[in-house]
Amino acid sequence: MRSAAPQSLVLPAHEALQVSGTQMESLFIGRLRRKPELLACSLLCDVDRGALPEHAQSSHLVLRHFEAITLAHRRAA
């Protein structure tokens, strides 16, 4: 059995993808290009800041803290 190294895909917008029948998503980097100190510590440090996209929000809904806790409590009940 072969193992594959994980890969990340950065697109101009954060996207949900279907790859060979599997649901995936592109890498969400938010506004990393505006934060040089964080960019320098990331795997994208060698990429020109001007070439990076700016992702204002996720392509899908993300639960807020209260919603996640409420859902977890209902699931445990």
N, C-alpha and C. Protein backbone atom coordinates (compact mmCIF):
# COMPACT_ATOMS: atom_id res chain seq x y z
N MET A 1 0.84 -1.17 0.00
CA MET A 1 0.00 0.00 0.00
C MET A 1 0.88 1.24 0.00
N ARG A 2 0.61 2.15 -0.87
CA ARG A 2 1.37 3.39 -0.95
C ARG A 2 0.72 4.45 -0.07
N SER A 3 1.55 5.31 0.46
CA SER A 3 1.00 6.45 1.19
C SER A 3 1.33 7.70 0.40
N ALA A 4 0.45 8.63 0.43
CA ALA A 4 0.63 9.88 -0.30
C ALA A 4 0.82 11.02 0.67
N ALA A 5 1.66 11.94 0.30
CA ALA A 5 1.85 13.14 1.11
C ALA A 5 0.63 14.04 0.92
N PRO A 6 0.16 14.66 2.00
CA PRO A 6 -0.99 15.55 1.85
C PRO A 6 -0.64 16.74 0.96
N GLN A 7 -1.58 17.15 0.15
CA GLN A 7 -1.39 18.27 -0.75
C GLN A 7 -2.44 19.33 -0.45
N SER A 8 -2.09 20.57 -0.70
CA SER A 8 -3.03 21.66 -0.52
C SER A 8 -3.14 22.43 -1.82
N LEU A 9 -4.33 22.90 -2.10
CA LEU A 9 -4.60 23.64 -3.32
C LEU A 9 -5.11 25.01 -2.91
N VAL A 10 -4.41 26.06 -3.33
CA VAL A 10 -4.84 27.43 -3.06
C VAL A 10 -5.45 27.98 -4.33
N LEU A 11 -6.71 28.39 -4.24
CA LEU A 11 -7.43 28.96 -5.37
C LEU A 11 -7.74 30.43 -5.09
N PRO A 12 -8.10 31.19 -6.12
CA PRO A 12 -8.43 32.61 -5.90
C PRO A 12 -9.55 32.82 -4.88
N ALA A 13 -10.48 31.87 -4.82
CA ALA A 13 -11.55 31.90 -3.81
C ALA A 13 -11.55 30.55 -3.11
N HIS A 14 -11.95 30.54 -1.85
CA HIS A 14 -12.05 29.28 -1.11
C HIS A 14 -13.21 28.50 -1.71
N GLU A 15 -12.94 27.27 -2.14
CA GLU A 15 -13.94 26.49 -2.87
C GLU A 15 -14.13 25.10 -2.29
N ALA A 16 -15.35 24.60 -2.37
CA ALA A 16 -15.63 23.20 -2.08
C ALA A 16 -15.46 22.45 -3.40
N LEU A 17 -14.77 21.32 -3.35
CA LEU A 17 -14.44 20.56 -4.56
C LEU A 17 -14.89 19.12 -4.44
N GLN A 18 -15.08 18.47 -5.58
CA GLN A 18 -15.31 17.04 -5.59
C GLN A 18 -14.18 16.44 -6.42
N VAL A 19 -13.36 15.61 -5.78
CA VAL A 19 -12.20 15.02 -6.43
C VAL A 19 -12.33 13.50 -6.37
N SER A 20 -12.44 12.88 -7.52
CA SER A 20 -12.60 11.42 -7.61
C SER A 20 -13.68 10.91 -6.66
N GLY A 21 -14.80 11.62 -6.61
CA GLY A 21 -15.92 11.21 -5.78
C GLY A 21 -15.79 11.57 -4.31
N THR A 22 -14.73 12.26 -3.93
CA THR A 22 -14.51 12.65 -2.53
C THR A 22 -14.71 14.14 -2.37
N GLN A 23 -15.44 14.53 -1.34
CA GLN A 23 -15.64 15.95 -1.05
C GLN A 23 -14.39 16.51 -0.40
N MET A 24 -13.88 17.62 -0.92
CA MET A 24 -12.69 18.27 -0.38
C MET A 24 -12.90 19.78 -0.44
N GLU A 25 -11.92 20.51 0.05
CA GLU A 25 -11.97 21.96 -0.07
C GLU A 25 -10.57 22.49 -0.31
N SER A 26 -10.51 23.64 -0.99
CA SER A 26 -9.23 24.28 -1.21
C SER A 26 -8.76 24.88 0.12
N LEU A 27 -7.47 25.19 0.17
CA LEU A 27 -6.90 25.73 1.40
C LEU A 27 -7.43 27.13 1.65
N PHE A 28 -7.99 27.36 2.82
CA PHE A 28 -8.49 28.68 3.21
C PHE A 28 -7.37 29.40 3.95
N ILE A 29 -6.84 30.47 3.35
CA ILE A 29 -5.74 31.20 3.99
C ILE A 29 -6.17 32.55 4.55
N GLY A 30 -7.45 32.84 4.43
CA GLY A 30 -7.95 34.09 5.00
C GLY A 30 -7.21 35.29 4.44
N ARG A 31 -6.79 36.17 5.32
CA ARG A 31 -6.07 37.38 4.91
C ARG A 31 -4.60 37.29 5.31
N LEU A 32 -4.02 36.12 5.15
CA LEU A 32 -2.64 35.87 5.53
C LEU A 32 -1.67 36.83 4.83
N ARG A 33 -1.98 37.23 3.62
CA ARG A 33 -1.08 38.13 2.88
C ARG A 33 -0.95 39.49 3.56
N ARG A 34 -1.91 39.87 4.40
CA ARG A 34 -1.85 41.16 5.11
C ARG A 34 -1.05 41.08 6.41
N LYS A 35 -0.59 39.87 6.77
CA LYS A 35 0.11 39.67 8.04
C LYS A 35 1.50 39.09 7.77
N PRO A 36 2.48 39.94 7.45
CA PRO A 36 3.81 39.45 7.07
C PRO A 36 4.47 38.58 8.13
N GLU A 37 4.23 38.88 9.41
CA GLU A 37 4.87 38.09 10.47
C GLU A 37 4.31 36.66 10.52
N LEU A 38 3.03 36.49 10.25
CA LEU A 38 2.43 35.15 10.19
C LEU A 38 2.81 34.43 8.90
N LEU A 39 2.82 35.17 7.80
CA LEU A 39 3.20 34.59 6.51
C LEU A 39 4.62 34.04 6.57
N ALA A 40 5.52 34.75 7.24
CA ALA A 40 6.91 34.32 7.34
C ALA A 40 7.05 33.00 8.09
N CYS A 41 6.09 32.67 8.94
CA CYS A 41 6.13 31.43 9.73
C CYS A 41 5.33 30.30 9.09
N SER A 42 4.74 30.55 7.94
CA SER A 42 3.88 29.55 7.31
C SER A 42 4.62 28.81 6.19
N LEU A 43 3.98 27.76 5.68
CA LEU A 43 4.54 27.03 4.55
C LEU A 43 4.51 27.85 3.26
N LEU A 44 3.79 28.95 3.28
CA LEU A 44 3.70 29.81 2.10
C LEU A 44 4.73 30.95 2.14
N CYS A 45 5.71 30.87 3.04
CA CYS A 45 6.66 31.96 3.23
C CYS A 45 7.46 32.30 1.98
N ASP A 46 7.65 31.35 1.08
CA ASP A 46 8.44 31.61 -0.12
C ASP A 46 7.61 32.14 -1.29
N VAL A 47 6.30 32.26 -1.08
CA VAL A 47 5.42 32.78 -2.13
C VAL A 47 5.31 34.29 -1.98
N ASP A 48 5.38 35.00 -3.10
CA ASP A 48 5.25 36.45 -3.10
C ASP A 48 3.87 36.84 -2.54
N ARG A 49 3.86 37.75 -1.58
CA ARG A 49 2.59 38.17 -0.96
C ARG A 49 1.58 38.65 -1.99
N GLY A 50 2.07 39.33 -3.02
CA GLY A 50 1.18 39.86 -4.05
C GLY A 50 0.52 38.77 -4.89
N ALA A 51 1.11 37.58 -4.89
CA ALA A 51 0.55 36.48 -5.69
C ALA A 51 -0.49 35.67 -4.91
N LEU A 52 -0.58 35.89 -3.60
CA LEU A 52 -1.53 35.15 -2.78
C LEU A 52 -2.92 35.76 -2.85
N PRO A 53 -3.96 34.92 -2.91
CA PRO A 53 -5.32 35.45 -2.88
C PRO A 53 -5.69 35.90 -1.46
N GLU A 54 -6.74 36.66 -1.38
CA GLU A 54 -7.26 37.08 -0.08
C GLU A 54 -8.65 36.48 0.07
N HIS A 55 -8.80 35.59 1.05
CA HIS A 55 -10.08 34.93 1.28
C HIS A 55 -10.80 35.63 2.42
N ALA A 56 -11.84 36.37 2.08
CA ALA A 56 -12.58 37.12 3.09
C ALA A 56 -13.43 36.22 3.97
N GLN A 57 -14.00 35.17 3.39
CA GLN A 57 -14.82 34.26 4.19
C GLN A 57 -14.80 32.87 3.59
N SER A 58 -15.17 31.91 4.39
CA SER A 58 -15.20 30.52 3.97
C SER A 58 -16.29 30.30 2.93
N SER A 59 -16.11 29.31 2.07
CA SER A 59 -17.11 29.02 1.03
C SER A 59 -18.34 28.32 1.59
N HIS A 60 -18.25 27.83 2.81
CA HIS A 60 -19.39 27.15 3.42
C HIS A 60 -19.60 27.69 4.84
N LEU A 61 -20.77 27.45 5.37
CA LEU A 61 -21.09 27.95 6.70
C LEU A 61 -20.23 27.26 7.76
N VAL A 62 -19.78 28.04 8.72
CA VAL A 62 -18.99 27.52 9.83
C VAL A 62 -19.75 27.83 11.12
N LEU A 63 -19.90 26.82 11.97
CA LEU A 63 -20.64 27.04 13.22
C LEU A 63 -19.91 28.02 14.12
N ARG A 64 -20.67 28.88 14.76
CA ARG A 64 -20.10 29.76 15.78
C ARG A 64 -19.94 28.95 17.08
N HIS A 65 -19.22 29.51 18.03
CA HIS A 65 -18.91 28.81 19.28
C HIS A 65 -20.19 28.29 19.95
N PHE A 66 -21.17 29.16 20.15
CA PHE A 66 -22.41 28.77 20.82
C PHE A 66 -23.13 27.66 20.05
N GLU A 67 -23.18 27.78 18.73
CA GLU A 67 -23.86 26.77 17.91
C GLU A 67 -23.18 25.41 18.02
N ALA A 68 -21.85 25.41 18.02
CA ALA A 68 -21.11 24.15 18.12
C ALA A 68 -21.35 23.48 19.47
N ILE A 69 -21.35 24.26 20.54
CA ILE A 69 -21.57 23.71 21.88
C ILE A 69 -22.99 23.16 22.01
N THR A 70 -23.97 23.92 21.52
CA THR A 70 -25.36 23.48 21.58
C THR A 70 -25.55 22.19 20.79
N LEU A 71 -24.98 22.11 19.61
CA LEU A 71 -25.08 20.90 18.80
C LEU A 71 -24.41 19.72 19.50
N ALA A 72 -23.26 19.93 20.11
CA ALA A 72 -22.54 18.85 20.81
C ALA A 72 -23.37 18.37 22.00
N HIS A 73 -23.99 19.28 22.74
CA HIS A 73 -24.81 18.87 23.90
C HIS A 73 -26.03 18.06 23.44
N ARG A 74 -26.66 18.48 22.38
CA ARG A 74 -27.84 17.74 21.87
C ARG A 74 -27.44 16.35 21.36
N ARG A 75 -26.28 16.28 20.75
CA ARG A 75 -25.80 15.00 20.22
C ARG A 75 -25.46 14.03 21.34
N ALA A 76 -24.94 14.55 22.45
CA ALA A 76 -24.55 13.71 23.58
C ALA A 76 -25.78 13.24 24.37
N ALA A 77 -26.88 13.97 24.27
CA ALA A 77 -28.08 13.64 25.06
C ALA A 77 -28.79 12.41 24.56
